Amino acid sequence: MERLATDLHSAAIHLLRKVREVDSELGITPARLSALSVVAMGGPRTVSELAKAEQVAGPTMSRIVAALEAAGLVVRREHPQDGRAMVVHATEKGRLVMERGRVRRVGVLAARLERLPNDDRRTLEQAVRLLRSLVAGNDDSQ
């Protein structure tokens, strides 16, 4: 099992790196894009929550958020319960950037999938179902 887990881990990382190559076309650093993704896909967060999610120090995240804000991709608003904290929200422009990036990454992956034989694509469809089951914590492979 450890060998399979190692191989799956490696393949997943390399696949994601390959499709993320098109992210450079968005003109945003990977760290900023990752933070924007958390806010755009996961909802508003405080700077400290965002730093924890991205596993960086608070001052580092503050700089990332400042750059995203300067680019018009996020806005900071007062926390509704804690007047000392600010909550980072994705702007419409930020959400559009994330969607444009997703479309490009999916396009790269789709082009590679089209080159595979039908049997291999069906195998990958089954693998996706199994991976979703693993993510959900299910032990069965329905």
Protein backbone atom coordinates (compact mmCIF):
# COMPACT_ATOMS: atom_id res chain seq x y z
CA MET A 1 0.00 0.00 0.00
CA GLU A 2 2.82 2.39 0.79
CA ARG A 3 4.20 2.04 -2.75
CA LEU A 4 0.79 2.82 -4.26
CA ALA A 5 0.35 5.79 -1.92
CA THR A 6 3.82 7.09 -2.85
CA ASP A 7 3.17 6.69 -6.58
CA LEU A 8 -0.25 8.34 -6.35
CA HIS A 9 1.17 11.22 -4.31
CA SER A 10 3.96 11.78 -6.83
CA ALA A 11 1.70 11.52 -9.88
CA ALA A 12 -0.85 13.93 -8.40
CA ILE A 13 1.80 16.52 -7.56
CA HIS A 14 3.40 16.31 -11.00
CA LEU A 15 0.03 16.50 -12.76
CA LEU A 16 -0.97 19.60 -10.79
CA ARG A 17 2.38 21.25 -11.45
CA LYS A 18 2.03 20.55 -15.16
CA VAL A 19 -1.44 22.06 -15.49
CA ARG A 20 -0.50 25.01 -13.23
CA GLU A 21 2.14 26.09 -15.74
CA VAL A 22 -0.54 28.16 -17.47
CA ASP A 23 -1.13 30.12 -14.24
CA SER A 24 1.88 32.29 -15.07
CA GLU A 25 -0.28 33.80 -17.84
CA LEU A 26 -2.50 35.31 -15.15
CA GLY A 27 0.32 37.62 -14.02
CA ILE A 28 0.00 36.71 -10.33
CA THR A 29 2.63 35.00 -8.22
CA PRO A 30 1.82 31.45 -7.09
CA ALA A 31 1.61 32.53 -3.42
CA ARG A 32 -0.86 35.30 -4.23
CA LEU A 33 -2.88 33.03 -6.50
CA SER A 34 -3.05 30.39 -3.79
CA ALA A 35 -4.27 32.89 -1.19
CA LEU A 36 -6.80 34.30 -3.64
CA SER A 37 -8.03 30.78 -4.31
CA VAL A 38 -8.70 30.18 -0.61
CA VAL A 39 -10.79 33.35 -0.35
CA ALA A 40 -12.52 33.06 -3.73
CA MET A 41 -13.42 29.38 -3.37
CA GLY A 42 -13.66 29.00 0.40
CA GLY A 43 -15.19 32.32 1.35
CA PRO A 44 -14.03 35.35 3.31
CA ARG A 45 -11.32 34.86 5.95
CA THR A 46 -9.39 36.98 8.37
CA VAL A 47 -5.74 37.52 7.55
CA SER A 48 -4.74 35.18 10.37
CA GLU A 49 -7.14 32.46 9.15
CA LEU A 50 -5.73 32.89 5.66
CA ALA A 51 -2.16 32.68 6.96
CA LYS A 52 -3.00 29.48 8.79
CA ALA A 53 -4.67 27.98 5.71
CA GLU A 54 -1.64 28.84 3.58
CA GLN A 55 0.84 27.85 6.30
CA VAL A 56 2.68 31.17 6.32
CA ALA A 57 3.38 33.76 9.00
CA GLY A 58 0.90 36.57 9.59
CA PRO A 59 3.20 39.34 8.31
CA THR A 60 3.81 37.36 5.11
CA MET A 61 0.07 36.98 4.55
CA SER A 62 -0.47 40.66 5.28
CA ARG A 63 1.93 41.51 2.44
CA ILE A 64 0.22 39.02 0.11
CA VAL A 65 -3.22 40.46 0.93
CA ALA A 66 -1.92 44.02 0.44
CA ALA A 67 -0.68 43.10 -3.04
CA LEU A 68 -3.96 41.37 -3.91
CA GLU A 69 -5.85 44.40 -2.66
CA ALA A 70 -3.69 46.76 -4.70
CA ALA A 71 -4.49 44.66 -7.78
CA GLY A 72 -8.21 44.90 -7.04
CA LEU A 73 -8.56 41.16 -6.45
CA VAL A 74 -9.61 41.32 -2.79
CA VAL A 75 -11.00 43.87 -0.36
CA ARG A 76 -10.66 44.02 3.41
CA ARG A 77 -13.72 44.74 5.49
CA GLU A 78 -14.23 45.09 9.22
CA HIS A 79 -14.97 41.87 11.05
CA PRO A 80 -18.65 41.88 12.10
CA GLN A 81 -17.91 40.71 15.66
CA ASP A 82 -14.29 41.77 16.24
CA GLY A 83 -13.56 45.41 15.51
CA ARG A 84 -9.80 44.74 15.65
CA ALA A 85 -9.85 42.19 12.81
CA MET A 86 -10.31 42.59 9.08
CA VAL A 87 -11.96 40.05 6.82
CA VAL A 88 -10.58 39.46 3.33
CA HIS A 89 -13.18 39.07 0.56
CA ALA A 90 -12.58 38.23 -3.09
CA THR A 91 -13.79 40.89 -5.49
CA GLU A 92 -15.64 40.10 -8.68
CA LYS A 93 -12.36 40.70 -10.51
CA GLY A 94 -10.64 38.21 -8.18
CA ARG A 95 -13.30 35.58 -8.80
CA LEU A 96 -13.01 36.13 -12.57
CA VAL A 97 -9.23 35.68 -12.41
CA MET A 98 -9.71 32.42 -10.52
CA GLU A 99 -12.28 31.20 -13.04
CA ARG A 100 -10.03 32.14 -15.97
CA GLY A 101 -7.19 30.18 -14.37
CA ARG A 102 -9.42 27.16 -13.74
CA VAL A 103 -10.62 27.17 -17.35
CA ARG A 104 -7.02 27.27 -18.61
CA ARG A 105 -5.86 24.47 -16.29
CA VAL A 106 -8.82 22.28 -17.20
CA GLY A 107 -8.17 22.99 -20.88
CA VAL A 108 -4.58 21.80 -20.59
CA LEU A 109 -5.69 18.65 -18.82
CA ALA A 110 -8.55 18.01 -21.28
CA ALA A 111 -6.14 18.28 -24.22
CA ARG A 112 -3.88 15.66 -22.64
CA LEU A 113 -6.84 13.40 -21.86
CA GLU A 114 -8.03 13.58 -25.48
CA ARG A 115 -4.79 11.96 -26.59
CA LEU A 116 -5.45 8.88 -24.44
CA PRO A 117 -7.18 5.78 -25.76
CA ASN A 118 -10.84 5.38 -24.73
CA ASP A 119 -10.04 2.49 -22.38
CA ASP A 120 -7.52 4.62 -20.51
CA ARG A 121 -10.03 7.46 -20.16
CA ARG A 122 -12.59 5.03 -18.74
CA THR A 123 -9.98 3.80 -16.28
CA LEU A 124 -9.35 7.39 -15.19
CA GLU A 125 -13.09 7.97 -14.78
CA GLN A 126 -13.17 5.02 -12.37
CA ALA A 127 -10.07 6.34 -10.61
CA VAL A 128 -11.76 9.72 -10.10
CA ARG A 129 -14.70 7.99 -8.42
CA LEU A 130 -12.29 6.13 -6.15
CA LEU A 131 -10.35 9.29 -5.33
CA ARG A 132 -13.54 11.12 -4.44
CA SER A 133 -14.43 8.24 -2.16
CA LEU A 134 -11.02 8.53 -0.46
CA VAL A 135 -11.48 12.27 -0.02
CA ALA A 136 -14.91 11.72 1.51
CA GLY A 137 -13.42 9.15 3.88
CA ASN A 138 -15.44 6.25 2.54
CA ASP A 139 -13.82 2.84 2.62
CA ASP A 140 -15.95 1.36 -0.14
CA SER A 141 -15.23 1.76 -3.85
CA GLN A 142 -18.77 2.08 -5.17
